[in-house]
Amino acid sequence: MQNINLLYLLQPIIVILISSVLLFYWHRKRHFSWKVLLFSLPAYAGAIALKIVVQAPTIEYVRAAGPVALGAYFGLQTAIFETGLAFLVAWIVIHYRELGKKDSEGYASGFAFWENAGLLGVIAIINFCSMYFALSSNTPFAQPLFEQLMTNSPELFASNTEVLCSVAIGTFERMTSLIAHFACGYLCFMAAYHRKPRLFLLALPTMGIVDALIPFIGDSLRSVMIFELGAFALSVMFLLIAWYATKGLREQQTEKYVACISS
């Protein structure tokens, strides 16, 4: 019996490594509290749970209405749930002095970490390995599982060349997600810390616009590549906007720090 291609494991492994490097980079640079991982988890997990609750009874009706309605449906959910909870959790932990200014990049990195290293990293590895070992076992469940996967996910049995192409595209997509989640989490934290509603308004479309474009991805490799490049460009643009919009606040904080040392 043919088994699924193990090369698919490369994508979650690479994404976990990059997500972890981002966390450790900002920890070394800013010395943020590792509690950011604890607090950014409910911000992300809560948003996913709300999406599931909303989509379970409604998504088929919206899908039948066409790609424009479906795009707005995905975009609004992401903007309201992910951005809204990222801001709400940041506001709560800042209000109770659990996190401070030095934790802004750490909170943003944690928000990106749970999406990419958690949900689409560790859990993906567990699911993939479970299927691989199930197909390798001599049990009554192996053949039905094989037939189900061949029907619903035949790409899992693709050749090495096809899998490596898919892994490259998937990894590039995760880089886009990392950038978008970081920009959103950073803006939400800074908005809560400095009480700047305009930063929260800037954060709202950061990921919502990208998700709103998902229904318009074509089936061909060319259309997928065009979408991924466009999504990456949008994410980088939002990151630059986030960095520029908070430049004055960072400079103000640096001046206060220098004045405190001088005195």
C-alpha atoms as a PDB file:
ATOM      1  CA  MET A   1       0.000   0.000   0.000  1.00  0.00           C
ATOM      2  CA  GLN A   2       1.373   3.398  -0.983  1.00  0.00           C
ATOM      3  CA  ASN A   3       1.980   5.785   1.891  1.00  0.00           C
ATOM      4  CA  ILE A   4       1.815   9.565   2.033  1.00  0.00           C
ATOM      5  CA  ASN A   5       4.921  11.525   1.119  1.00  0.00           C
ATOM      6  CA  LEU A   6       7.035  12.383   4.168  1.00  0.00           C
ATOM      7  CA  LEU A   7       8.469  15.452   2.453  1.00  0.00           C
ATOM      8  CA  TYR A   8       5.291  17.284   3.455  1.00  0.00           C
ATOM      9  CA  LEU A   9       6.736  17.416   6.959  1.00  0.00           C
ATOM     10  CA  LEU A  10       9.303  19.935   5.749  1.00  0.00           C
ATOM     11  CA  GLN A  11       6.782  22.776   5.655  1.00  0.00           C
ATOM     12  CA  PRO A  12       5.591  22.689   9.297  1.00  0.00           C
ATOM     13  CA  ILE A  13       9.147  22.054  10.508  1.00  0.00           C
ATOM     14  CA  ILE A  14      10.517  25.056   8.598  1.00  0.00           C
ATOM     15  CA  VAL A  15       7.634  27.259   9.735  1.00  0.00           C
ATOM     16  CA  ILE A  16       8.098  26.257  13.385  1.00  0.00           C
ATOM     17  CA  LEU A  17      11.801  27.099  13.162  1.00  0.00           C
ATOM     18  CA  ILE A  18      11.195  30.509  11.568  1.00  0.00           C
ATOM     19  CA  SER A  19       8.398  31.354  14.035  1.00  0.00           C
ATOM     20  CA  SER A  20      10.672  30.397  16.935  1.00  0.00           C
ATOM     21  CA  VAL A  21      13.580  32.419  15.548  1.00  0.00           C
ATOM     22  CA  LEU A  22      11.302  35.472  15.381  1.00  0.00           C
ATOM     23  CA  LEU A  23      10.393  35.031  19.045  1.00  0.00           C
ATOM     24  CA  PHE A  24      13.977  34.552  20.210  1.00  0.00           C
ATOM     25  CA  TYR A  25      15.180  37.491  18.119  1.00  0.00           C
ATOM     26  CA  TRP A  26      12.784  39.899  19.802  1.00  0.00           C
ATOM     27  CA  HIS A  27      13.440  38.367  23.201  1.00  0.00           C
ATOM     28  CA  ARG A  28      17.163  38.998  22.786  1.00  0.00           C
ATOM     29  CA  LYS A  29      16.560  42.512  21.469  1.00  0.00           C
ATOM     30  CA  ARG A  30      13.778  43.635  23.834  1.00  0.00           C
ATOM     31  CA  HIS A  31      13.974  41.139  26.738  1.00  0.00           C
ATOM     32  CA  PHE A  32      10.208  40.765  26.773  1.00  0.00           C
ATOM     33  CA  SER A  33       8.455  38.598  29.346  1.00  0.00           C
ATOM     34  CA  TRP A  34       7.721  35.058  28.149  1.00  0.00           C
ATOM     35  CA  LYS A  35       4.225  35.595  29.521  1.00  0.00           C
ATOM     36  CA  VAL A  36       3.462  37.064  26.100  1.00  0.00           C
ATOM     37  CA  LEU A  37       2.997  33.501  24.838  1.00  0.00           C
ATOM     38  CA  LEU A  38       0.483  32.804  27.573  1.00  0.00           C
ATOM     39  CA  PHE A  39      -1.491  35.966  26.848  1.00  0.00           C
ATOM     40  CA  SER A  40      -1.330  35.871  23.060  1.00  0.00           C
ATOM     41  CA  LEU A  41      -2.736  32.328  23.011  1.00  0.00           C
ATOM     42  CA  PRO A  42      -6.304  33.221  24.078  1.00  0.00           C
ATOM     43  CA  ALA A  43      -6.255  36.144  21.648  1.00  0.00           C
ATOM     44  CA  TYR A  44      -5.596  33.771  18.757  1.00  0.00           C
ATOM     45  CA  ALA A  45      -7.402  30.648  19.974  1.00  0.00           C
ATOM     46  CA  GLY A  46     -10.479  32.651  20.935  1.00  0.00           C
ATOM     47  CA  ALA A  47     -10.678  34.116  17.432  1.00  0.00           C
ATOM     48  CA  ILE A  48     -10.449  30.660  15.838  1.00  0.00           C
ATOM     49  CA  ALA A  49     -13.156  29.338  18.166  1.00  0.00           C
ATOM     50  CA  LEU A  50     -15.472  32.232  17.282  1.00  0.00           C
ATOM     51  CA  LYS A  51     -14.881  31.640  13.579  1.00  0.00           C
ATOM     52  CA  ILE A  52     -15.833  27.979  13.963  1.00  0.00           C
ATOM     53  CA  VAL A  53     -18.995  28.870  15.870  1.00  0.00           C
ATOM     54  CA  VAL A  54     -20.039  31.408  13.243  1.00  0.00           C
ATOM     55  CA  GLN A  55     -19.082  29.398  10.169  1.00  0.00           C
ATOM     56  CA  ALA A  56     -20.569  26.047  11.160  1.00  0.00           C
ATOM     57  CA  PRO A  57     -24.213  27.072  10.546  1.00  0.00           C
ATOM     58  CA  THR A  58     -23.684  29.802   7.944  1.00  0.00           C
ATOM     59  CA  ILE A  59     -20.793  29.175   5.563  1.00  0.00           C
ATOM     60  CA  GLU A  60     -22.716  27.070   3.021  1.00  0.00           C
ATOM     61  CA  TYR A  61     -25.336  29.808   2.619  1.00  0.00           C
ATOM     62  CA  VAL A  62     -22.666  32.459   2.103  1.00  0.00           C
ATOM     63  CA  ARG A  63     -20.687  30.244  -0.289  1.00  0.00           C
ATOM     64  CA  ALA A  64     -23.811  29.860  -2.423  1.00  0.00           C
ATOM     65  CA  ALA A  65     -24.054  33.657  -2.670  1.00  0.00           C
ATOM     66  CA  GLY A  66     -20.803  33.852  -4.647  1.00  0.00           C
ATOM     67  CA  PRO A  67     -17.120  34.745  -4.165  1.00  0.00           C
ATOM     68  CA  VAL A  68     -17.705  38.427  -3.376  1.00  0.00           C
ATOM     69  CA  ALA A  69     -20.010  37.608  -0.458  1.00  0.00           C
ATOM     70  CA  LEU A  70     -17.677  34.828   0.696  1.00  0.00           C
ATOM     71  CA  GLY A  71     -14.669  37.154   0.568  1.00  0.00           C
ATOM     72  CA  ALA A  72     -16.449  39.790   2.649  1.00  0.00           C
ATOM     73  CA  TYR A  73     -17.568  37.026   5.021  1.00  0.00           C
ATOM     74  CA  PHE A  74     -14.002  35.795   5.611  1.00  0.00           C
ATOM     75  CA  GLY A  75     -12.518  39.276   5.759  1.00  0.00           C
ATOM     76  CA  LEU A  76     -14.983  40.635   8.304  1.00  0.00           C
ATOM     77  CA  GLN A  77     -14.595  37.626  10.572  1.00  0.00           C
ATOM     78  CA  THR A  78     -10.831  37.952  10.584  1.00  0.00           C
ATOM     79  CA  ALA A  79     -10.922  41.702  11.145  1.00  0.00           C
ATOM     80  CA  ILE A  80     -13.491  41.526  13.953  1.00  0.00           C
ATOM     81  CA  PHE A  81     -12.462  38.343  15.754  1.00  0.00           C
ATOM     82  CA  GLU A  82      -8.669  38.179  15.350  1.00  0.00           C
ATOM     83  CA  THR A  83      -7.963  41.900  15.496  1.00  0.00           C
ATOM     84  CA  GLY A  84     -10.649  42.551  18.092  1.00  0.00           C
ATOM     85  CA  LEU A  85      -9.460  39.859  20.473  1.00  0.00           C
ATOM     86  CA  ALA A  86      -5.801  40.766  19.950  1.00  0.00           C
ATOM     87  CA  PHE A  87      -6.635  44.298  21.094  1.00  0.00           C
ATOM     88  CA  LEU A  88      -8.964  43.216  23.922  1.00  0.00           C
ATOM     89  CA  VAL A  89      -6.454  40.797  25.454  1.00  0.00           C
ATOM     90  CA  ALA A  90      -3.649  43.353  25.102  1.00  0.00           C
ATOM     91  CA  TRP A  91      -5.778  46.007  26.807  1.00  0.00           C
ATOM     92  CA  ILE A  92      -6.624  43.666  29.708  1.00  0.00           C
ATOM     93  CA  VAL A  93      -3.059  42.518  30.417  1.00  0.00           C
ATOM     94  CA  ILE A  94      -1.711  46.065  30.088  1.00  0.00           C
ATOM     95  CA  HIS A  95      -4.450  47.396  32.373  1.00  0.00           C
ATOM     96  CA  TYR A  96      -3.491  44.870  35.044  1.00  0.00           C
ATOM     97  CA  ARG A  97       0.222  45.573  34.475  1.00  0.00           C
ATOM     98  CA  GLU A  98       1.013  42.036  33.384  1.00  0.00           C
ATOM     99  CA  LEU A  99       2.837  43.322  30.291  1.00  0.00           C
ATOM    100  CA  GLY A 100       4.601  46.589  29.503  1.00  0.00           C
ATOM    101  CA  LYS A 101       6.037  48.552  26.598  1.00  0.00           C
ATOM    102  CA  LYS A 102       8.994  46.193  26.129  1.00  0.00           C
ATOM    103  CA  ASP A 103       6.555  43.343  25.452  1.00  0.00           C
ATOM    104  CA  SER A 104       5.005  44.856  22.304  1.00  0.00           C
ATOM    105  CA  GLU A 105       7.115  42.952  19.773  1.00  0.00           C
ATOM    106  CA  GLY A 106       6.945  39.815  21.908  1.00  0.00           C
ATOM    107  CA  TYR A 107       3.147  39.941  21.987  1.00  0.00           C
ATOM    108  CA  ALA A 108       3.064  40.415  18.218  1.00  0.00           C
ATOM    109  CA  SER A 109       5.507  37.535  17.716  1.00  0.00           C
ATOM    110  CA  GLY A 110       3.429  35.320  20.000  1.00  0.00           C
ATOM    111  CA  PHE A 111       0.279  36.145  18.044  1.00  0.00           C
ATOM    112  CA  ALA A 112       2.058  35.049  14.860  1.00  0.00           C
ATOM    113  CA  PHE A 113       3.582  32.005  16.591  1.00  0.00           C
ATOM    114  CA  TRP A 114       0.298  30.375  17.586  1.00  0.00           C
ATOM    115  CA  GLU A 115      -1.131  30.564  14.067  1.00  0.00           C
ATOM    116  CA  ASN A 116       1.916  29.244  12.258  1.00  0.00           C
ATOM    117  CA  ALA A 117       3.982  27.171  14.688  1.00  0.00           C
ATOM    118  CA  GLY A 118       1.007  26.025  16.764  1.00  0.00           C
ATOM    119  CA  LEU A 119      -2.076  25.380  14.664  1.00  0.00           C
ATOM    120  CA  LEU A 120      -0.358  24.910  11.300  1.00  0.00           C
ATOM    121  CA  GLY A 121       2.932  23.615  12.682  1.00  0.00           C
ATOM    122  CA  VAL A 122       2.831  21.229  15.641  1.00  0.00           C
ATOM    123  CA  ILE A 123      -0.758  20.108  15.083  1.00  0.00           C
ATOM    124  CA  ALA A 124      -0.065  19.577  11.374  1.00  0.00           C
ATOM    125  CA  ILE A 125       2.941  17.373  12.211  1.00  0.00           C
ATOM    126  CA  ILE A 126       0.862  15.327  14.662  1.00  0.00           C
ATOM    127  CA  ASN A 127      -1.931  14.817  12.121  1.00  0.00           C
ATOM    128  CA  PHE A 128       0.493  13.930   9.340  1.00  0.00           C
ATOM    129  CA  CYS A 129       2.448  11.444  11.449  1.00  0.00           C
ATOM    130  CA  SER A 130      -0.797   9.871  12.672  1.00  0.00           C
ATOM    131  CA  MET A 131      -1.898   9.237   9.084  1.00  0.00           C
ATOM    132  CA  TYR A 132       1.538   7.949   8.075  1.00  0.00           C
ATOM    133  CA  PHE A 133       1.786   5.422  10.908  1.00  0.00           C
ATOM    134  CA  ALA A 134      -1.852   4.392  10.466  1.00  0.00           C
ATOM    135  CA  LEU A 135      -1.199   3.561   6.813  1.00  0.00           C
ATOM    136  CA  SER A 136       2.003   1.754   7.771  1.00  0.00           C
ATOM    137  CA  SER A 137       0.231  -0.462  10.281  1.00  0.00           C
ATOM    138  CA  ASN A 138      -1.335  -3.804   9.500  1.00  0.00           C
ATOM    139  CA  THR A 139      -4.771  -2.956  10.879  1.00  0.00           C
ATOM    140  CA  PRO A 140      -8.318  -3.018   9.488  1.00  0.00           C
ATOM    141  CA  PHE A 141      -8.326   0.799   9.445  1.00  0.00           C
ATOM    142  CA  ALA A 142      -5.385   1.185   7.060  1.00  0.00           C
ATOM    143  CA  GLN A 143      -7.148   0.306   3.799  1.00  0.00           C
ATOM    144  CA  PRO A 144     -10.277   2.457   4.402  1.00  0.00           C
ATOM    145  CA  LEU A 145      -8.033   5.379   5.391  1.00  0.00           C
ATOM    146  CA  PHE A 146      -5.949   4.925   2.259  1.00  0.00           C
ATOM    147  CA  GLU A 147      -9.051   4.930   0.051  1.00  0.00           C
ATOM    148  CA  GLN A 148     -10.457   7.983   1.798  1.00  0.00           C
ATOM    149  CA  LEU A 149      -7.204   9.930   1.400  1.00  0.00           C
ATOM    150  CA  MET A 150      -6.857   8.901  -2.242  1.00  0.00           C
ATOM    151  CA  THR A 151     -10.356  10.257  -2.870  1.00  0.00           C
ATOM    152  CA  ASN A 152     -10.241  13.444  -0.812  1.00  0.00           C
ATOM    153  CA  SER A 153      -6.516  14.317  -0.678  1.00  0.00           C
ATOM    154  CA  PRO A 154      -4.670  12.564  -3.533  1.00  0.00           C
ATOM    155  CA  GLU A 155      -1.954  15.247  -3.408  1.00  0.00           C
ATOM    156  CA  LEU A 156      -0.632  13.556  -0.243  1.00  0.00           C
ATOM    157  CA  PHE A 157       0.688  10.753  -2.465  1.00  0.00           C
ATOM    158  CA  ALA A 158       2.323  13.070  -5.026  1.00  0.00           C
ATOM    159  CA  SER A 159       5.871  12.712  -6.312  1.00  0.00           C
ATOM    160  CA  ASN A 160       8.828  14.326  -4.540  1.00  0.00           C
ATOM    161  CA  THR A 161       9.053  17.104  -7.141  1.00  0.00           C
ATOM    162  CA  GLU A 162       5.377  17.992  -6.797  1.00  0.00           C
ATOM    163  CA  VAL A 163       5.558  17.875  -3.012  1.00  0.00           C
ATOM    164  CA  LEU A 164       8.627  20.119  -2.855  1.00  0.00           C
ATOM    165  CA  CYS A 165       6.854  22.654  -5.070  1.00  0.00           C
ATOM    166  CA  SER A 166       3.824  22.543  -2.777  1.00  0.00           C
ATOM    167  CA  VAL A 167       6.047  22.875   0.310  1.00  0.00           C
ATOM    168  CA  ALA A 168       7.797  25.922  -1.168  1.00  0.00           C
ATOM    169  CA  ILE A 169       4.483  27.644  -1.915  1.00  0.00           C
ATOM    170  CA  GLY A 170       3.028  26.688   1.467  1.00  0.00           C
ATOM    171  CA  THR A 171       6.083  27.942   3.335  1.00  0.00           C
ATOM    172  CA  PHE A 172       5.970  31.231   1.440  1.00  0.00           C
ATOM    173  CA  GLU A 173       2.292  31.527   2.397  1.00  0.00           C
ATOM    174  CA  ARG A 174       3.190  31.024   6.057  1.00  0.00           C
ATOM    175  CA  MET A 175       5.774  33.821   5.826  1.00  0.00           C
ATOM    176  CA  THR A 176       2.986  36.083   4.642  1.00  0.00           C
ATOM    177  CA  SER A 177       0.894  34.995   7.611  1.00  0.00           C
ATOM    178  CA  LEU A 178       3.773  35.618  10.039  1.00  0.00           C
ATOM    179  CA  ILE A 179       4.238  39.162   8.772  1.00  0.00           C
ATOM    180  CA  ALA A 180       0.506  39.952   8.783  1.00  0.00           C
ATOM    181  CA  HIS A 181      -0.057  38.549  12.286  1.00  0.00           C
ATOM    182  CA  PHE A 182       2.993  40.374  13.633  1.00  0.00           C
ATOM    183  CA  ALA A 183       1.830  43.701  12.166  1.00  0.00           C
ATOM    184  CA  CYS A 184      -1.692  43.200  13.515  1.00  0.00           C
ATOM    185  CA  GLY A 185      -0.553  42.120  16.982  1.00  0.00           C
ATOM    186  CA  TYR A 186       1.950  44.970  17.208  1.00  0.00           C
ATOM    187  CA  LEU A 187      -0.604  47.620  16.242  1.00  0.00           C
ATOM    188  CA  CYS A 188      -3.152  46.210  18.692  1.00  0.00           C
ATOM    189  CA  PHE A 189      -0.652  46.183  21.554  1.00  0.00           C
ATOM    190  CA  MET A 190       0.568  49.704  20.832  1.00  0.00           C
ATOM    191  CA  ALA A 191      -3.014  50.924  20.488  1.00  0.00           C
ATOM    192  CA  ALA A 192      -3.881  49.475  23.893  1.00  0.00           C
ATOM    193  CA  TYR A 193      -0.686  50.642  25.604  1.00  0.00           C
ATOM    194  CA  HIS A 194      -0.739  54.206  24.291  1.00  0.00           C
ATOM    195  CA  ARG A 195      -4.540  54.467  24.113  1.00  0.00           C
ATOM    196  CA  LYS A 196      -4.452  55.325  20.413  1.00  0.00           C
ATOM    197  CA  PRO A 197      -7.680  54.183  18.685  1.00  0.00           C
ATOM    198  CA  ARG A 198      -6.243  55.123  15.280  1.00  0.00           C
ATOM    199  CA  LEU A 199      -3.694  52.316  15.619  1.00  0.00           C
ATOM    200  CA  PHE A 200      -6.482  49.826  16.232  1.00  0.00           C
ATOM    201  CA  LEU A 201      -8.294  51.119  13.153  1.00  0.00           C
ATOM    202  CA  LEU A 202      -5.104  50.584  11.161  1.00  0.00           C
ATOM    203  CA  ALA A 203      -4.891  47.019  12.484  1.00  0.00           C
ATOM    204  CA  LEU A 204      -8.425  46.060  11.416  1.00  0.00           C
ATOM    205  CA  PRO A 205      -7.706  45.518   7.700  1.00  0.00           C
ATOM    206  CA  THR A 206      -4.217  44.053   8.229  1.00  0.00           C
ATOM    207  CA  MET A 207      -5.311  40.435   7.891  1.00  0.00           C
ATOM    208  CA  GLY A 208      -8.924  40.922   6.894  1.00  0.00           C
ATOM    209  CA  ILE A 209      -8.069  42.120   3.385  1.00  0.00           C
ATOM    210  CA  VAL A 210      -5.822  39.123   2.702  1.00  0.00           C
ATOM    211  CA  ASP A 211      -8.478  36.664   3.898  1.00  0.00           C
ATOM    212  CA  ALA A 212     -11.119  38.455   1.854  1.00  0.00           C
ATOM    213  CA  LEU A 213      -9.171  37.619  -1.309  1.00  0.00           C
ATOM    214  CA  ILE A 214      -9.036  33.849  -0.630  1.00  0.00           C
ATOM    215  CA  PRO A 215     -12.203  32.956  -2.626  1.00  0.00           C
ATOM    216  CA  PHE A 216     -10.624  34.473  -5.729  1.00  0.00           C
ATOM    217  CA  ILE A 217      -7.611  32.117  -5.850  1.00  0.00           C
ATOM    218  CA  GLY A 218      -7.659  30.156  -9.079  1.00  0.00           C
ATOM    219  CA  ASP A 219      -6.844  26.482  -9.543  1.00  0.00           C
ATOM    220  CA  SER A 220      -3.757  26.900 -11.711  1.00  0.00           C
ATOM    221  CA  LEU A 221      -0.226  27.208 -10.339  1.00  0.00           C
ATOM    222  CA  ARG A 222       0.118  30.610 -11.998  1.00  0.00           C
ATOM    223  CA  SER A 223      -2.971  32.028 -10.282  1.00  0.00           C
ATOM    224  CA  VAL A 224      -1.861  30.639  -6.927  1.00  0.00           C
ATOM    225  CA  MET A 225       1.574  32.221  -7.312  1.00  0.00           C
ATOM    226  CA  ILE A 226       0.033  35.576  -8.281  1.00  0.00           C
ATOM    227  CA  PHE A 227      -2.192  35.450  -5.207  1.00  0.00           C
ATOM    228  CA  GLU A 228       0.665  34.511  -2.863  1.00  0.00           C
ATOM    229  CA  LEU A 229       2.899  37.278  -4.216  1.00  0.00           C
ATOM    230  CA  GLY A 230       0.074  39.798  -3.885  1.00  0.00           C
ATOM    231  CA  ALA A 231      -0.738  38.662  -0.348  1.00  0.00           C
ATOM    232  CA  PHE A 232       2.942  38.875   0.615  1.00  0.00           C
ATOM    233  CA  ALA A 233       3.204  42.396  -0.795  1.00  0.00           C
ATOM    234  CA  LEU A 234       0.087  43.448   1.153  1.00  0.00           C
ATOM    235  CA  SER A 235       1.480  41.994   4.386  1.00  0.00           C
ATOM    236  CA  VAL A 236       4.804  43.775   3.950  1.00  0.00           C
ATOM    237  CA  MET A 237       2.948  47.009   3.214  1.00  0.00           C
ATOM    238  CA  PHE A 238       0.896  46.657   6.416  1.00  0.00           C
ATOM    239  CA  LEU A 239       4.060  45.926   8.408  1.00  0.00           C
ATOM    240  CA  LEU A 240       5.695  49.100   7.061  1.00  0.00           C
ATOM    241  CA  ILE A 241       2.538  51.067   7.861  1.00  0.00           C
ATOM    242  CA  ALA A 242       2.540  49.674  11.407  1.00  0.00           C
ATOM    243  CA  TRP A 243       6.208  50.543  11.900  1.00  0.00           C
ATOM    244  CA  TYR A 244       5.792  54.046  10.470  1.00  0.00           C
ATOM    245  CA  ALA A 245       2.573  54.766  12.398  1.00  0.00           C
ATOM    246  CA  THR A 246       4.272  53.935  15.705  1.00  0.00           C
ATOM    247  CA  LYS A 247       7.600  55.613  14.953  1.00  0.00           C
ATOM    248  CA  GLY A 248       6.843  58.683  17.028  1.00  0.00           C
ATOM    249  CA  LEU A 249       5.744  56.579  20.000  1.00  0.00           C
ATOM    250  CA  ARG A 250       8.957  54.545  19.892  1.00  0.00           C
ATOM    251  CA  GLU A 251      11.102  57.697  19.654  1.00  0.00           C
ATOM    252  CA  GLN A 252       9.184  59.255  22.529  1.00  0.00           C
ATOM    253  CA  GLN A 253       9.827  56.176  24.660  1.00  0.00           C
ATOM    254  CA  THR A 254      13.540  56.221  23.765  1.00  0.00           C
ATOM    255  CA  GLU A 255      13.840  59.890  24.763  1.00  0.00           C
ATOM    256  CA  LYS A 256      12.227  59.174  28.131  1.00  0.00           C
ATOM    257  CA  TYR A 257      14.603  56.259  28.682  1.00  0.00           C
ATOM    258  CA  VAL A 258      17.679  58.391  27.843  1.00  0.00           C
ATOM    259  CA  ALA A 259      16.458  61.226  30.078  1.00  0.00           C
ATOM    260  CA  CYS A 260      15.904  58.778  32.940  1.00  0.00           C
ATOM    261  CA  ILE A 261      19.455  57.426  32.598  1.00  0.00           C
ATOM    262  CA  SER A 262      20.968  60.924  32.369  1.00  0.00           C
ATOM    263  CA  SER A 263      19.238  62.051  35.523  1.00  0.00           C
END
